[in-house]
C-alpha cells in the first residue's frame, strides 16, 4: 500500500487541532449515549466507535508531536 505524504502545514495543523477537539466532544456524547443504552449489541458498537476515534486522536497527535497537551485540549 502506498504511503501518503502527511501535510504538516500550519493550515493542516489548525484543521487537525479542530478535528481532534471535535473527536473529544463526540466521544463524550457517545459515552453519555452508552449510559442510556442497555442492549449489548449497541453498547459494543458504541465501544468500537470510541475505540476508532481514540486511535484517530493518537494518529493525529503523532503527526504533530510539537503540540502541547494544553493546545490539544483548547487551553491556549
PDB file of N, CA and C in Angstrom:
ATOM      1  N   UNK A   1       0.837  -1.167   0.000  1.00  0.00           N
ATOM      2  CA  UNK A   1       0.000   0.000   0.000  1.00  0.00           C
ATOM      3  C   UNK A   1       0.888   1.238   0.000  1.00  0.00           C
ATOM      4  N   UNK A   2       0.564   2.197  -0.818  1.00  0.00           N
ATOM      5  CA  UNK A   2       1.342   3.424  -0.915  1.00  0.00           C
ATOM      6  C   UNK A   2       1.128   4.292   0.305  1.00  0.00           C
ATOM      7  N   UNK A   3       2.225   4.885   0.769  1.00  0.00           N
ATOM      8  CA  UNK A   3       2.159   5.821   1.883  1.00  0.00           C
ATOM      9  C   UNK A   3       1.825   7.196   1.335  1.00  0.00           C
ATOM     10  N   UNK A   4       0.886   7.863   1.959  1.00  0.00           N
ATOM     11  CA  UNK A   4       0.524   9.218   1.568  1.00  0.00           C
ATOM     12  C   UNK A   4       1.384  10.198   2.358  1.00  0.00           C
ATOM     13  N   UNK A   5       1.931  11.211   1.683  1.00  0.00           N
ATOM     14  CA  UNK A   5       2.693  12.231   2.388  1.00  0.00           C
ATOM     15  C   UNK A   5       1.768  12.973   3.337  1.00  0.00           C
ATOM     16  N   UNK A   6       2.234  13.161   4.567  1.00  0.00           N
ATOM     17  CA  UNK A   6       1.440  13.863   5.553  1.00  0.00           C
ATOM     18  C   UNK A   6       1.622  15.365   5.388  1.00  0.00           C
ATOM     19  N   UNK A   7       0.519  16.075   5.379  1.00  0.00           N
ATOM     20  CA  UNK A   7       0.530  17.531   5.287  1.00  0.00           C
ATOM     21  C   UNK A   7       0.706  18.093   6.690  1.00  0.00           C
ATOM     22  N   UNK A   8       1.852  18.704   6.943  1.00  0.00           N
ATOM     23  CA  UNK A   8       2.132  19.252   8.265  1.00  0.00           C
ATOM     24  C   UNK A   8       2.200  20.772   8.228  1.00  0.00           C
ATOM     25  N   UNK A   9       1.506  21.374   7.267  1.00  0.00           N
ATOM     26  CA  UNK A   9       1.489  22.824   7.153  1.00  0.00           C
ATOM     27  C   UNK A   9       0.717  23.432   8.318  1.00  0.00           C
ATOM     28  N   UNK A  10       0.804  24.745   8.446  1.00  0.00           N
ATOM     29  CA  UNK A  10       0.091  25.449   9.522  1.00  0.00           C
ATOM     30  C   UNK A  10      -1.421  25.281   9.364  1.00  0.00           C
ATOM     31  N   UNK A  11      -1.895  25.303   8.126  1.00  0.00           N
ATOM     32  CA  UNK A  11      -3.332  25.111   7.883  1.00  0.00           C
ATOM     33  C   UNK A  11      -3.748  23.702   8.321  1.00  0.00           C
ATOM     34  N   UNK A  12      -2.946  22.717   7.972  1.00  0.00           N
ATOM     35  CA  UNK A  12      -3.244  21.339   8.362  1.00  0.00           C
ATOM     36  C   UNK A  12      -3.216  21.200   9.875  1.00  0.00           C
ATOM     37  N   UNK A  13      -2.260  21.834  10.488  1.00  0.00           N
ATOM     38  CA  UNK A  13      -2.135  21.805  11.949  1.00  0.00           C
ATOM     39  C   UNK A  13      -3.414  22.328  12.602  1.00  0.00           C
ATOM     40  N   UNK A  14      -3.887  23.475  12.144  1.00  0.00           N
ATOM     41  CA  UNK A  14      -5.107  24.078  12.700  1.00  0.00           C
ATOM     42  C   UNK A  14      -6.321  23.190  12.452  1.00  0.00           C
ATOM     43  N   UNK A  15      -6.410  22.636  11.257  1.00  0.00           N
ATOM     44  CA  UNK A  15      -7.534  21.752  10.939  1.00  0.00           C
ATOM     45  C   UNK A  15      -7.514  20.489  11.795  1.00  0.00           C
ATOM     46  N   UNK A  16      -6.337  19.938  12.011  1.00  0.00           N
ATOM     47  CA  UNK A  16      -6.230  18.738  12.837  1.00  0.00           C
ATOM     48  C   UNK A  16      -6.543  19.030  14.310  1.00  0.00           C
ATOM     49  N   UNK A  17      -6.140  20.198  14.792  1.00  0.00           N
ATOM     50  CA  UNK A  17      -6.499  20.585  16.156  1.00  0.00           C
ATOM     51  C   UNK A  17      -8.020  20.661  16.304  1.00  0.00           C
ATOM     52  N   UNK A  18      -8.657  21.275  15.325  1.00  0.00           N
ATOM     53  CA  UNK A  18     -10.114  21.400  15.360  1.00  0.00           C
ATOM     54  C   UNK A  18     -10.776  20.021  15.304  1.00  0.00           C
ATOM     55  N   UNK A  19     -10.274  19.161  14.430  1.00  0.00           N
ATOM     56  CA  UNK A  19     -10.826  17.812  14.304  1.00  0.00           C
ATOM     57  C   UNK A  19     -10.607  17.002  15.577  1.00  0.00           C
ATOM     58  N   UNK A  20      -9.414  17.113  16.167  1.00  0.00           N
ATOM     59  CA  UNK A  20      -9.084  16.404  17.407  1.00  0.00           C
ATOM     60  C   UNK A  20     -10.076  16.791  18.506  1.00  0.00           C
ATOM     61  N   UNK A  21     -10.335  18.079  18.625  1.00  0.00           N
ATOM     62  CA  UNK A  21     -11.277  18.552  19.652  1.00  0.00           C
ATOM     63  C   UNK A  21     -12.701  18.071  19.367  1.00  0.00           C
ATOM     64  N   UNK A  22     -13.068  18.005  18.095  1.00  0.00           N
ATOM     65  CA  UNK A  22     -14.415  17.509  17.764  1.00  0.00           C
ATOM     66  C   UNK A  22     -14.528  16.018  18.092  1.00  0.00           C
ATOM     67  N   UNK A  23     -13.431  15.275  17.930  1.00  0.00           N
ATOM     68  CA  UNK A  23     -13.435  13.866  18.328  1.00  0.00           C
ATOM     69  C   UNK A  23     -13.656  13.744  19.832  1.00  0.00           C
ATOM     70  N   UNK A  24     -13.008  14.614  20.601  1.00  0.00           N
ATOM     71  CA  UNK A  24     -13.214  14.606  22.053  1.00  0.00           C
ATOM     72  C   UNK A  24     -14.685  14.817  22.406  1.00  0.00           C
ATOM     73  N   UNK A  25     -15.309  15.803  21.772  1.00  0.00           N
ATOM     74  CA  UNK A  25     -16.728  16.083  22.048  1.00  0.00           C
ATOM     75  C   UNK A  25     -17.608  14.916  21.644  1.00  0.00           C
ATOM     76  N   UNK A  26     -17.309  14.302  20.509  1.00  0.00           N
ATOM     77  CA  UNK A  26     -18.098  13.172  20.036  1.00  0.00           C
ATOM     78  C   UNK A  26     -17.958  11.980  20.970  1.00  0.00           C
ATOM     79  N   UNK A  27     -16.749  11.737  21.461  1.00  0.00           N
ATOM     80  CA  UNK A  27     -16.521  10.636  22.400  1.00  0.00           C
ATOM     81  C   UNK A  27     -17.341  10.861  23.673  1.00  0.00           C
ATOM     82  N   UNK A  28     -17.363  12.078  24.164  1.00  0.00           N
ATOM     83  CA  UNK A  28     -18.164  12.389  25.355  1.00  0.00           C
ATOM     84  C   UNK A  28     -19.642  12.131  25.083  1.00  0.00           C
ATOM     85  N   UNK A  29     -20.118  12.549  23.909  1.00  0.00           N
ATOM     86  CA  UNK A  29     -21.520  12.314  23.538  1.00  0.00           C
ATOM     87  C   UNK A  29     -21.845  10.823  23.491  1.00  0.00           C
ATOM     88  N   UNK A  30     -20.948  10.043  22.919  1.00  0.00           N
ATOM     89  CA  UNK A  30     -21.174   8.600  22.816  1.00  0.00           C
ATOM     90  C   UNK A  30     -21.169   7.956  24.203  1.00  0.00           C
ATOM     91  N   UNK A  31     -20.262   8.400  25.052  1.00  0.00           N
ATOM     92  CA  UNK A  31     -20.237   7.867  26.417  1.00  0.00           C
ATOM     93  C   UNK A  31     -21.543   8.179  27.145  1.00  0.00           C
ATOM     94  N   UNK A  32     -22.083   9.368  26.925  1.00  0.00           N
ATOM     95  CA  UNK A  32     -23.382   9.719  27.512  1.00  0.00           C
ATOM     96  C   UNK A  32     -24.490   8.847  26.936  1.00  0.00           C
ATOM     97  N   UNK A  33     -24.419   8.592  25.646  1.00  0.00           N
ATOM     98  CA  UNK A  33     -25.403   7.719  24.994  1.00  0.00           C
ATOM     99  C   UNK A  33     -25.347   6.311  25.583  1.00  0.00           C
ATOM    100  N   UNK A  34     -24.147   5.844  25.877  1.00  0.00           N
ATOM    101  CA  UNK A  34     -23.985   4.498  26.440  1.00  0.00           C
ATOM    102  C   UNK A  34     -24.707   4.353  27.774  1.00  0.00           C
ATOM    103  N   UNK A  35     -24.767   5.423  28.560  1.00  0.00           N
ATOM    104  CA  UNK A  35     -25.422   5.346  29.870  1.00  0.00           C
ATOM    105  C   UNK A  35     -26.927   5.132  29.743  1.00  0.00           C
ATOM    106  N   UNK A  36     -27.472   5.446  28.576  1.00  0.00           N
ATOM    107  CA  UNK A  36     -28.914   5.317  28.352  1.00  0.00           C
ATOM    108  C   UNK A  36     -29.261   4.044  27.594  1.00  0.00           C
ATOM    109  N   UNK A  37     -28.248   3.278  27.247  1.00  0.00           N
ATOM    110  CA  UNK A  37     -28.439   2.083  26.425  1.00  0.00           C
ATOM    111  C   UNK A  37     -28.242   0.832  27.266  1.00  0.00           C
ATOM    112  N   UNK A  38     -29.015  -0.205  26.953  1.00  0.00           N
ATOM    113  CA  UNK A  38     -28.860  -1.461  27.691  1.00  0.00           C
ATOM    114  C   UNK A  38     -28.596  -2.660  26.779  1.00  0.00           C
ATOM    115  N   UNK A  39     -28.816  -2.503  25.496  1.00  0.00           N
ATOM    116  CA  UNK A  39     -28.636  -3.618  24.564  1.00  0.00           C
ATOM    117  C   UNK A  39     -27.150  -3.823  24.258  1.00  0.00           C
ATOM    118  N   UNK A  40     -26.676  -5.045  24.487  1.00  0.00           N
ATOM    119  CA  UNK A  40     -25.246  -5.345  24.331  1.00  0.00           C
ATOM    120  C   UNK A  40     -24.715  -5.072  22.933  1.00  0.00           C
ATOM    121  N   UNK A  41     -25.483  -5.367  21.916  1.00  0.00           N
ATOM    122  CA  UNK A  41     -25.016  -5.152  20.541  1.00  0.00           C
ATOM    123  C   UNK A  41     -24.744  -3.667  20.308  1.00  0.00           C
ATOM    124  N   UNK A  42     -25.631  -2.844  20.788  1.00  0.00           N
ATOM    125  CA  UNK A  42     -25.454  -1.401  20.613  1.00  0.00           C
ATOM    126  C   UNK A  42     -24.292  -0.896  21.464  1.00  0.00           C
ATOM    127  N   UNK A  43     -24.188  -1.379  22.689  1.00  0.00           N
ATOM    128  CA  UNK A  43     -23.067  -0.984  23.553  1.00  0.00           C
ATOM    129  C   UNK A  43     -21.733  -1.367  22.928  1.00  0.00           C
ATOM    130  N   UNK A  44     -21.654  -2.556  22.361  1.00  0.00           N
ATOM    131  CA  UNK A  44     -20.422  -2.995  21.691  1.00  0.00           C
ATOM    132  C   UNK A  44     -20.103  -2.098  20.498  1.00  0.00           C
ATOM    133  N   UNK A  45     -21.127  -1.743  19.741  1.00  0.00           N
ATOM    134  CA  UNK A  45     -20.943  -0.853  18.589  1.00  0.00           C
ATOM    135  C   UNK A  45     -20.405   0.504  19.048  1.00  0.00           C
ATOM    136  N   UNK A  46     -20.993   1.042  20.102  1.00  0.00           N
ATOM    137  CA  UNK A  46     -20.547   2.337  20.613  1.00  0.00           C
ATOM    138  C   UNK A  46     -19.109   2.255  21.118  1.00  0.00           C
ATOM    139  N   UNK A  47     -18.765   1.145  21.773  1.00  0.00           N
ATOM    140  CA  UNK A  47     -17.387   0.949  22.226  1.00  0.00           C
ATOM    141  C   UNK A  47     -16.406   0.936  21.056  1.00  0.00           C
ATOM    142  N   UNK A  48     -16.789   0.289  19.967  1.00  0.00           N
ATOM    143  CA  UNK A  48     -15.928   0.222  18.776  1.00  0.00           C
ATOM    144  C   UNK A  48     -15.756   1.608  18.160  1.00  0.00           C
ATOM    145  N   UNK A  49     -16.816   2.400  18.157  1.00  0.00           N
ATOM    146  CA  UNK A  49     -16.725   3.768  17.625  1.00  0.00           C
ATOM    147  C   UNK A  49     -15.755   4.598  18.465  1.00  0.00           C
ATOM    148  N   UNK A  50     -15.876   4.480  19.786  1.00  0.00           N
ATOM    149  CA  UNK A  50     -14.972   5.216  20.678  1.00  0.00           C
ATOM    150  C   UNK A  50     -13.536   4.766  20.445  1.00  0.00           C
ATOM    151  N   UNK A  51     -13.342   3.464  20.331  1.00  0.00           N
ATOM    152  CA  UNK A  51     -12.004   2.923  20.107  1.00  0.00           C
ATOM    153  C   UNK A  51     -11.401   3.474  18.809  1.00  0.00           C
ATOM    154  N   UNK A  52     -12.182   3.531  17.752  1.00  0.00           N
ATOM    155  CA  UNK A  52     -11.699   4.049  16.470  1.00  0.00           C
ATOM    156  C   UNK A  52     -11.342   5.529  16.579  1.00  0.00           C
ATOM    157  N   UNK A  53     -12.149   6.281  17.301  1.00  0.00           N
ATOM    158  CA  UNK A  53     -11.872   7.712  17.462  1.00  0.00           C
ATOM    159  C   UNK A  53     -10.631   7.942  18.308  1.00  0.00           C
ATOM    160  N   UNK A  54     -10.440   7.119  19.318  1.00  0.00           N
ATOM    161  CA  UNK A  54      -9.230   7.227  20.142  1.00  0.00           C
ATOM    162  C   UNK A  54      -7.990   6.923  19.305  1.00  0.00           C
ATOM    163  N   UNK A  55      -8.073   5.946  18.422  1.00  0.00           N
ATOM    164  CA  UNK A  55      -6.952   5.631  17.525  1.00  0.00           C
ATOM    165  C   UNK A  55      -6.675   6.802  16.582  1.00  0.00           C
ATOM    166  N   UNK A  56      -7.720   7.443  16.095  1.00  0.00           N
ATOM    167  CA  UNK A  56      -7.555   8.594  15.217  1.00  0.00           C
ATOM    168  C   UNK A  56      -6.888   9.742  15.970  1.00  0.00           C
ATOM    169  N   UNK A  57      -7.304   9.964  17.219  1.00  0.00           N
ATOM    170  CA  UNK A  57      -6.671  11.004  18.029  1.00  0.00           C
ATOM    171  C   UNK A  57      -5.181  10.710  18.218  1.00  0.00           C
ATOM    172  N   UNK A  58      -4.856   9.460  18.468  1.00  0.00           N
ATOM    173  CA  UNK A  58      -3.455   9.061  18.650  1.00  0.00           C
ATOM    174  C   UNK A  58      -2.654   9.338  17.384  1.00  0.00           C
ATOM    175  N   UNK A  59      -3.221   8.977  16.234  1.00  0.00           N
ATOM    176  CA  UNK A  59      -2.550   9.202  14.948  1.00  0.00           C
ATOM    177  C   UNK A  59      -2.298  10.696  14.722  1.00  0.00           C
ATOM    178  N   UNK A  60      -3.283  11.507  15.026  1.00  0.00           N
ATOM    179  CA  UNK A  60      -3.149  12.948  14.833  1.00  0.00           C
ATOM    180  C   UNK A  60      -2.060  13.507  15.747  1.00  0.00           C
ATOM    181  N   UNK A  61      -2.051  13.072  17.011  1.00  0.00           N
ATOM    182  CA  UNK A  61      -1.025  13.552  17.941  1.00  0.00           C
ATOM    183  C   UNK A  61       0.372  13.157  17.475  1.00  0.00           C
ATOM    184  N   UNK A  62       0.502  11.992  16.878  1.00  0.00           N
ATOM    185  CA  UNK A  62       1.804  11.549  16.370  1.00  0.00           C
ATOM    186  C   UNK A  62       2.247  12.383  15.173  1.00  0.00           C
ATOM    187  N   UNK A  63       1.295  12.905  14.415  1.00  0.00           N
ATOM    188  CA  UNK A  63       1.626  13.760  13.265  1.00  0.00           C
ATOM    189  C   UNK A  63       2.216  15.094  13.711  1.00  0.00           C
ATOM    190  N   UNK A  64       1.768  15.577  14.876  1.00  0.00           N
ATOM    191  CA  UNK A  64       2.178  16.885  15.369  1.00  0.00           C
ATOM    192  C   UNK A  64       2.696  16.770  16.808  1.00  0.00           C
ATOM    193  N   UNK A  65       3.870  16.163  16.978  1.00  0.00           N
ATOM    194  CA  UNK A  65       4.386  15.938  18.340  1.00  0.00           C
ATOM    195  C   UNK A  65       4.758  17.230  19.069  1.00  0.00           C
ATOM    196  N   UNK A  66       4.894  18.329  18.347  1.00  0.00           N
ATOM    197  CA  UNK A  66       5.279  19.590  18.981  1.00  0.00           C
ATOM    198  C   UNK A  66       4.113  20.310  19.649  1.00  0.00           C
ATOM    199  N   UNK A  67       2.886  19.850  19.420  1.00  0.00           N
ATOM    200  CA  UNK A  67       1.715  20.480  20.022  1.00  0.00           C
ATOM    201  C   UNK A  67       1.585  19.986  21.464  1.00  0.00           C
ATOM    202  N   UNK A  68       1.417  20.927  22.363  1.00  0.00           N
ATOM    203  CA  UNK A  68       1.315  20.577  23.791  1.00  0.00           C
ATOM    204  C   UNK A  68      -0.074  20.040  24.122  1.00  0.00           C
ATOM    205  N   UNK A  69      -0.185  19.365  25.261  1.00  0.00           N
ATOM    206  CA  UNK A  69      -1.478  18.855  25.713  1.00  0.00           C
ATOM    207  C   UNK A  69      -2.468  20.003  25.915  1.00  0.00           C
ATOM    208  N   UNK A  70      -1.982  21.139  26.384  1.00  0.00           N
ATOM    209  CA  UNK A  70      -2.853  22.286  26.579  1.00  0.00           C
ATOM    210  C   UNK A  70      -3.461  22.735  25.264  1.00  0.00           C
ATOM    211  N   UNK A  71      -2.661  22.731  24.196  1.00  0.00           N
ATOM    212  CA  UNK A  71      -3.169  23.112  22.878  1.00  0.00           C
ATOM    213  C   UNK A  71      -4.194  22.093  22.385  1.00  0.00           C
ATOM    214  N   UNK A  72      -3.895  20.799  22.583  1.00  0.00           N
ATOM    215  CA  UNK A  72      -4.834  19.773  22.136  1.00  0.00           C
ATOM    216  C   UNK A  72      -6.175  19.951  22.822  1.00  0.00           C
ATOM    217  N   UNK A  73      -6.138  20.345  24.089  1.00  0.00           N
ATOM    218  CA  UNK A  73      -7.361  20.475  24.873  1.00  0.00           C
ATOM    219  C   UNK A  73      -8.005  21.857  24.762  1.00  0.00           C
ATOM    220  N   UNK A  74      -7.434  22.698  23.915  1.00  0.00           N
ATOM    221  CA  UNK A  74      -8.030  24.013  23.678  1.00  0.00           C
ATOM    222  C   UNK A  74      -7.720  25.044  24.736  1.00  0.00           C
ATOM    223  N   UNK A  75      -6.668  24.826  25.506  1.00  0.00           N
ATOM    224  CA  UNK A  75      -6.290  25.762  26.577  1.00  0.00           C
ATOM    225  C   UNK A  75      -5.105  26.623  26.150  1.00  0.00           C
ATOM    226  N   UNK A  76      -5.235  27.263  24.992  1.00  0.00           N
ATOM    227  CA  UNK A  76      -4.135  28.099  24.521  1.00  0.00           C
ATOM    228  C   UNK A  76      -4.513  29.554  24.524  1.00  0.00           C
TER     229      UNK A  76
END
